[in-house]
Amino acid sequence: MSNFKVPLRDIEFALFEVLHFEEHFAEYCPSLDRSLTIALLEESARFCEQVLAPLSASGDIEGCRLVGGEVRTPAGFKAAYKQYCDAGWPSLARSVEYGGQGLLQSLGCVMNELTSTANYAWTMYNGLSQGAMHTIESHGSEAQKKTYLPALISGEWTGTMCLTEAHCGTDLGLLKTKAIPAGDGQYQLTGTKIFISSGDHDFADNIVHIVLARLPDAPAGTRGLSLFIVPKITINADGSLGDNNHVTCGGLEHKMGIHGNATCVLNFDGALGTLLGEPNKGLHLMFTFMNLARLGAGLQGLAHAELGFQKSVDYARQRLQGRSLSGAKNVSGVADPIIVHPDVRRMLMTQKALTEGMRMMAYFAAKRIDIVQHGQYEAQRQGAHDILSFITPIAKGFMAEAGFESANLALQCFGGHGYIREWGVEQNLRDCRIASLYEGTTGVQALDLLGRKILLSNGSLLGDFAQCIERFCKEAANTAELSPYVESLTRLHSEWLAITAKIGERALVNADEVGAASVDYLMYCGYIFLGYMWARAAKTAVLALATGTSEPDFYRAKIDTAQFYFERILPRTLSLAVTMNSGADNLMNIAEDHFSF
């Protein structure tokens, strides 16, 4: 039985005290306020704690099975999905016009964090559906929206994203799946896709695949890709389901983790689909889905960090082993709880600082999604879009890496007990590992950030985000308790701009300089972003203590964690600055035969 508890108080702190979502809701969704949000969170928490979390371990052990060409999910998964749909959760942040509740995408992101932490493998089924809905709503024709959105929004149908093929992963220009015109505005798709999360299952009556394919005589490379909607079961003119659409599951991948989610090989054997958007614009349109999935992968890092932290701090309080170096703390016991040992505290505080900091990062990004979708003025929408474009690869890449670090530290806190199945931390670590691989590896995110978002914009996107930090430092400059944070962020702000300029100058001479610096640059940006969030949290806590609060310990803990982050984790930027400035020669001037063994 899981003892997972949704961290409602910390979520409320991040949303309403640090990031001021109450004012945000009032501007962009007046029907949503703090009390309603908390009520929704509490109801979702009950479902996550009582229904989803207990299925996580059993789902991992049982996994998915392919029976007669159809996927069977672990026991309890299908029933949990029905309960989820009956409660209306899939429709929360979707358009009222097609059956949704019309609330904000940011609220959907918070709810996704809850289910992800409770049971990530199960959550993926709905997560891919949300991406399919968002893509169709953004780019579909009115006929496509009416055909697909109501059933997707209700949860009656689910959705997927079909990109990868065996011969091409990130390099989608090599994609071979063909789409041949079949008349009546339909196309026959033929090809095989691999690594398709939630590609087949027993949850829903139909599965709507969003598929990248190539039209006849299309240009070579990524310029010749188009996007199609291909249902598993055909849909009749009256909206009823027809025949199987020649989309079959050819196999299930045998994976390191997320065993409860079906990762499929899908065969399209002349399957009928309709073109989504314009011909040969498929990759551009697919990024609507991909960017949402990337933020979802960042949330996965947060989810596994939270789960690992809860497990390890609970264990550290109970596990008796050794005596404190400064004298026994549990004098009447045979040993002290391991939480008294400095190195265990280092691991626990690192988890806490990363987890709570990443939660603020995720909500900061989610807030920009709302503004892009609902902002009243073009300048307002564009400003949010620019910041979101900059932070999306950071949120995905950094949070996936930091989440894995945190999950790994959780296992370490358990010692040998962490390496066995009983406690669940080894599953948490295995499940987390995929986050830095799919939706573009950390290296791909880093190239996108440094190459496309920074250098191709001549640093303007970095400047937009850096202004947020600059404004904070000016506002907090006269508060004595915040001076350590202001001084560190001010120094890093200047260093950040200088390092970026140096990399750009070297890249003009040698393009490999971008690839050589990119991952270090992404992590460097992530640590500064996290520092900005913790400085804001510290400011909030200082103000709460100064004006009076019934929760002094809660706010002092925030200040302690901010101090730990700035003194113990943020200094990682020092070594990253050195490695970024070391250049590409120490990588690219090594002869290939020196890699031999």
Foldseek 3Di string as FASTA:
>chain_A
DDPDFDPLVLLLCLCPQLVNCQVLCVVQPVVDHDVVLSVVVVVLRCLLRPQQQVVALQQFVVFWDQDPQAIEFGPRLLVSLVVCLVVQLLQDCDDVVQPHPNGAVLSVLVSLLSNLLRHVLSSVQSLQQSLVLQLCVVFNDPVSCNLPVNCSSSVQEGEWEFQADPVDDPQSLVDAWEWEDDDPQKTFTFDKTFQIWLLGYDNHPKYKYWYWHFYPPADGGLQRIFIKIFMQFDADPVSDTDHGQQKTFPDFDDALASRSIGGTIIGRDRGMIHTTHDGSCHVVSCVSSLLSVLLSLLSSLLSLLSNLLVLLVVQQQPDFDAAAPVGRDPVVDPGHRNCNHPVLVVLNLLSVLLNSLLSSVSSVLSSLVSCLVRPPDPVSNVLSVLLNQQCSLLSQQQSLVSSLSSLVSSLVSVPPVSVDPPSPSSNSNSHSNCSQPPSAHNLRSLCCNLVPSDLVVVRPSVVSVLVVLVVVLVVCVPPVLLVVLSVVLVVLSVLLVVLSVVLSVVCVVPVCLSSQLRSLNSNLVNLSSSSSSLSSLLVSLVVDVVVDDPCNVVSVVSSVSSVCSSVPPNCVSVVSSVSSVVTCCVPPVDDPCVPPD
